[in-house]
Amino acid sequence: MKRLYYYLFYKLYKFWDYVSVPKFWSDFKAIVSIIALETWLFLSLFAYYAYSSKKNIELSLSQPIIYLPFALVLFIKYLAFNNKNVWKKYFKEFDRLPRNRNRIGSWVVFFFVILVVSNFIYSIYLYYNN
């Protein structure tokens, strides 16, 4: 599981490094991207819960229920990326993967991101049409 997490980070890092002009802060952009994906997953769970239980859960910045998932996401990021040498070790390993396997990994990460974003949009649609 940890390797998958670092592979997602690796692919997002490579993406941001490729599309950024000038190339800087790719690691920060990748971490922010992962934070967004995880936050959308948590918010989707809340929306599905509200939809299935027919309860109206207010999701606003004034409610503490928003801060718990966000704090959990930030804590995970702190544990995973506090020591930069750890993710750099994984980068060396992932750079040595065969080109074909790395290309398949890119598509898997791409579809995962599309799935998370689509899931979030659908859950919000259900939440507001509850």
C-alpha atoms as a PDB file:
ATOM      1  CA  MET A   1       0.000   0.000   0.000  1.00  0.00           C
ATOM      2  CA  LYS A   2       2.845   2.345   0.871  1.00  0.00           C
ATOM      3  CA  ARG A   3       4.489   1.671  -2.483  1.00  0.00           C
ATOM      4  CA  LEU A   4       1.252   2.528  -4.299  1.00  0.00           C
ATOM      5  CA  TYR A   5       1.023   5.766  -2.377  1.00  0.00           C
ATOM      6  CA  TYR A   6       4.566   6.708  -3.304  1.00  0.00           C
ATOM      7  CA  TYR A   7       3.941   5.662  -6.907  1.00  0.00           C
ATOM      8  CA  LEU A   8       0.959   8.026  -7.071  1.00  0.00           C
ATOM      9  CA  PHE A   9       3.208  10.762  -5.686  1.00  0.00           C
ATOM     10  CA  TYR A  10       5.923   9.812  -8.178  1.00  0.00           C
ATOM     11  CA  LYS A  11       3.574  10.064 -11.157  1.00  0.00           C
ATOM     12  CA  LEU A  12       2.051  13.332 -10.005  1.00  0.00           C
ATOM     13  CA  TYR A  13       5.539  14.708  -9.383  1.00  0.00           C
ATOM     14  CA  LYS A  14       6.612  13.708 -12.900  1.00  0.00           C
ATOM     15  CA  PHE A  15       3.423  15.237 -14.337  1.00  0.00           C
ATOM     16  CA  TRP A  16       3.935  18.570 -12.589  1.00  0.00           C
ATOM     17  CA  ASP A  17       7.618  18.543 -13.476  1.00  0.00           C
ATOM     18  CA  TYR A  18       6.703  18.021 -17.145  1.00  0.00           C
ATOM     19  CA  VAL A  19       3.958  20.669 -17.421  1.00  0.00           C
ATOM     20  CA  SER A  20       5.488  23.396 -15.211  1.00  0.00           C
ATOM     21  CA  VAL A  21       7.353  26.242 -16.807  1.00  0.00           C
ATOM     22  CA  PRO A  22       9.689  27.017 -15.113  1.00  0.00           C
ATOM     23  CA  LYS A  23      10.178  23.721 -13.315  1.00  0.00           C
ATOM     24  CA  PHE A  24       9.959  24.283  -9.591  1.00  0.00           C
ATOM     25  CA  TRP A  25       8.063  22.998  -6.558  1.00  0.00           C
ATOM     26  CA  SER A  26       6.913  19.836  -8.313  1.00  0.00           C
ATOM     27  CA  ASP A  27       7.001  17.972  -5.010  1.00  0.00           C
ATOM     28  CA  PHE A  28       4.778  20.610  -3.390  1.00  0.00           C
ATOM     29  CA  LYS A  29       2.331  20.500  -6.317  1.00  0.00           C
ATOM     30  CA  ALA A  30       2.189  16.710  -6.155  1.00  0.00           C
ATOM     31  CA  ILE A  31       1.481  16.793  -2.412  1.00  0.00           C
ATOM     32  CA  VAL A  32      -1.261  19.399  -2.919  1.00  0.00           C
ATOM     33  CA  SER A  33      -2.742  17.210  -5.663  1.00  0.00           C
ATOM     34  CA  ILE A  34      -2.815  14.212  -3.332  1.00  0.00           C
ATOM     35  CA  ILE A  35      -4.364  16.325  -0.573  1.00  0.00           C
ATOM     36  CA  ALA A  36      -7.095  17.393  -3.003  1.00  0.00           C
ATOM     37  CA  LEU A  37      -7.760  13.803  -4.090  1.00  0.00           C
ATOM     38  CA  GLU A  38      -7.949  12.534  -0.514  1.00  0.00           C
ATOM     39  CA  THR A  39     -10.156  15.422   0.577  1.00  0.00           C
ATOM     40  CA  TRP A  40     -12.532  14.735  -2.312  1.00  0.00           C
ATOM     41  CA  LEU A  41     -12.656  11.076  -1.292  1.00  0.00           C
ATOM     42  CA  PHE A  42     -13.536  11.985   2.306  1.00  0.00           C
ATOM     43  CA  LEU A  43     -16.148  14.517   1.199  1.00  0.00           C
ATOM     44  CA  SER A  44     -17.631  11.904  -1.129  1.00  0.00           C
ATOM     45  CA  LEU A  45     -18.041   9.561   1.829  1.00  0.00           C
ATOM     46  CA  PHE A  46     -19.892  12.276   3.743  1.00  0.00           C
ATOM     47  CA  ALA A  47     -22.108  12.994   0.748  1.00  0.00           C
ATOM     48  CA  TYR A  48     -22.913   9.296   0.245  1.00  0.00           C
ATOM     49  CA  TYR A  49     -23.664   8.936   3.952  1.00  0.00           C
ATOM     50  CA  ALA A  50     -25.987  11.932   3.876  1.00  0.00           C
ATOM     51  CA  TYR A  51     -27.697  10.590   0.768  1.00  0.00           C
ATOM     52  CA  SER A  52     -28.153   7.039   2.069  1.00  0.00           C
ATOM     53  CA  SER A  53     -29.286   8.073   5.565  1.00  0.00           C
ATOM     54  CA  LYS A  54     -31.493  10.898   4.250  1.00  0.00           C
ATOM     55  CA  LYS A  55     -29.856  13.228   6.773  1.00  0.00           C
ATOM     56  CA  ASN A  56     -28.870  16.736   5.886  1.00  0.00           C
ATOM     57  CA  ILE A  57     -25.244  17.194   6.905  1.00  0.00           C
ATOM     58  CA  GLU A  58     -24.043  20.740   6.539  1.00  0.00           C
ATOM     59  CA  LEU A  59     -20.601  20.797   4.955  1.00  0.00           C
ATOM     60  CA  SER A  60     -19.254  24.277   5.560  1.00  0.00           C
ATOM     61  CA  LEU A  61     -16.062  25.734   6.943  1.00  0.00           C
ATOM     62  CA  SER A  62     -17.884  26.675  10.134  1.00  0.00           C
ATOM     63  CA  GLN A  63     -18.533  22.994  10.954  1.00  0.00           C
ATOM     64  CA  PRO A  64     -15.840  20.955  12.742  1.00  0.00           C
ATOM     65  CA  ILE A  65     -16.719  17.855  10.680  1.00  0.00           C
ATOM     66  CA  ILE A  66     -14.755  19.418   7.807  1.00  0.00           C
ATOM     67  CA  TYR A  67     -11.582  19.825   9.830  1.00  0.00           C
ATOM     68  CA  LEU A  68     -11.280  16.203  10.974  1.00  0.00           C
ATOM     69  CA  PRO A  69     -10.747  14.674   7.492  1.00  0.00           C
ATOM     70  CA  PHE A  70      -8.502  17.554   6.485  1.00  0.00           C
ATOM     71  CA  ALA A  71      -6.392  17.123   9.641  1.00  0.00           C
ATOM     72  CA  LEU A  72      -6.167  13.389   8.957  1.00  0.00           C
ATOM     73  CA  VAL A  73      -5.015  14.032   5.387  1.00  0.00           C
ATOM     74  CA  LEU A  74      -2.365  16.507   6.553  1.00  0.00           C
ATOM     75  CA  PHE A  75      -1.170  14.069   9.216  1.00  0.00           C
ATOM     76  CA  ILE A  76      -0.773  11.330   6.603  1.00  0.00           C
ATOM     77  CA  LYS A  77       1.209  13.729   4.403  1.00  0.00           C
ATOM     78  CA  TYR A  78       3.432  14.627   7.329  1.00  0.00           C
ATOM     79  CA  LEU A  79       4.183  10.972   8.039  1.00  0.00           C
ATOM     80  CA  ALA A  80       4.707  10.032   4.400  1.00  0.00           C
ATOM     81  CA  PHE A  81       6.800  12.965   3.229  1.00  0.00           C
ATOM     82  CA  ASN A  82       8.483  14.311   6.359  1.00  0.00           C
ATOM     83  CA  ASN A  83      11.755  12.629   5.456  1.00  0.00           C
ATOM     84  CA  LYS A  84      12.575  13.573   1.853  1.00  0.00           C
ATOM     85  CA  ASN A  85      15.130  10.795   1.582  1.00  0.00           C
ATOM     86  CA  VAL A  86      12.356   8.204   1.827  1.00  0.00           C
ATOM     87  CA  TRP A  87      10.445   9.321  -1.248  1.00  0.00           C
ATOM     88  CA  LYS A  88      13.684   9.930  -3.165  1.00  0.00           C
ATOM     89  CA  LYS A  89      14.623   6.282  -2.546  1.00  0.00           C
ATOM     90  CA  TYR A  90      11.315   5.213  -4.080  1.00  0.00           C
ATOM     91  CA  PHE A  91      11.866   7.568  -7.014  1.00  0.00           C
ATOM     92  CA  LYS A  92      15.118   5.814  -7.850  1.00  0.00           C
ATOM     93  CA  GLU A  93      13.314   2.483  -7.746  1.00  0.00           C
ATOM     94  CA  PHE A  94      10.434   3.714  -9.928  1.00  0.00           C
ATOM     95  CA  ASP A  95      12.820   5.314 -12.442  1.00  0.00           C
ATOM     96  CA  ARG A  96      14.376   1.865 -12.976  1.00  0.00           C
ATOM     97  CA  LEU A  97      11.044   0.280 -13.917  1.00  0.00           C
ATOM     98  CA  PRO A  98      10.747  -0.855 -17.539  1.00  0.00           C
ATOM     99  CA  ARG A  99       9.299   1.818 -19.817  1.00  0.00           C
ATOM    100  CA  ASN A 100       6.240  -0.260 -20.705  1.00  0.00           C
ATOM    101  CA  ARG A 101       5.411  -0.944 -17.056  1.00  0.00           C
ATOM    102  CA  ASN A 102       5.843   2.748 -16.207  1.00  0.00           C
ATOM    103  CA  ARG A 103       3.519   3.702 -19.070  1.00  0.00           C
ATOM    104  CA  ILE A 104       0.855   1.305 -17.778  1.00  0.00           C
ATOM    105  CA  GLY A 105       1.339   2.817 -14.315  1.00  0.00           C
ATOM    106  CA  SER A 106       0.769   6.270 -15.785  1.00  0.00           C
ATOM    107  CA  TRP A 107      -2.560   5.158 -17.243  1.00  0.00           C
ATOM    108  CA  VAL A 108      -3.601   3.519 -13.971  1.00  0.00           C
ATOM    109  CA  VAL A 109      -2.844   6.749 -12.067  1.00  0.00           C
ATOM    110  CA  PHE A 110      -4.676   8.794 -14.723  1.00  0.00           C
ATOM    111  CA  PHE A 111      -7.801   6.625 -14.469  1.00  0.00           C
ATOM    112  CA  PHE A 112      -7.593   6.681 -10.674  1.00  0.00           C
ATOM    113  CA  VAL A 113      -7.575  10.497 -10.678  1.00  0.00           C
ATOM    114  CA  ILE A 114     -10.487  10.566 -13.154  1.00  0.00           C
ATOM    115  CA  LEU A 115     -12.364   8.065 -10.985  1.00  0.00           C
ATOM    116  CA  VAL A 116     -11.858  10.131  -7.809  1.00  0.00           C
ATOM    117  CA  VAL A 117     -12.938  13.370  -9.499  1.00  0.00           C
ATOM    118  CA  SER A 118     -15.961  11.708 -11.142  1.00  0.00           C
ATOM    119  CA  ASN A 119     -16.921  10.056  -7.861  1.00  0.00           C
ATOM    120  CA  PHE A 120     -16.740  13.402  -6.071  1.00  0.00           C
ATOM    121  CA  ILE A 121     -18.895  15.133  -8.685  1.00  0.00           C
ATOM    122  CA  TYR A 122     -21.470  12.338  -8.585  1.00  0.00           C
ATOM    123  CA  SER A 123     -21.586  12.301  -4.775  1.00  0.00           C
ATOM    124  CA  ILE A 124     -22.141  16.058  -4.671  1.00  0.00           C
ATOM    125  CA  TYR A 125     -24.885  15.674  -7.278  1.00  0.00           C
ATOM    126  CA  LEU A 126     -26.601  13.074  -5.084  1.00  0.00           C
ATOM    127  CA  TYR A 127     -26.103  15.178  -1.963  1.00  0.00           C
ATOM    128  CA  TYR A 128     -27.753  18.264  -3.428  1.00  0.00           C
ATOM    129  CA  ASN A 129     -30.580  16.280  -5.034  1.00  0.00           C
ATOM    130  CA  ASN A 130     -31.347  14.455  -1.795  1.00  0.00           C
END
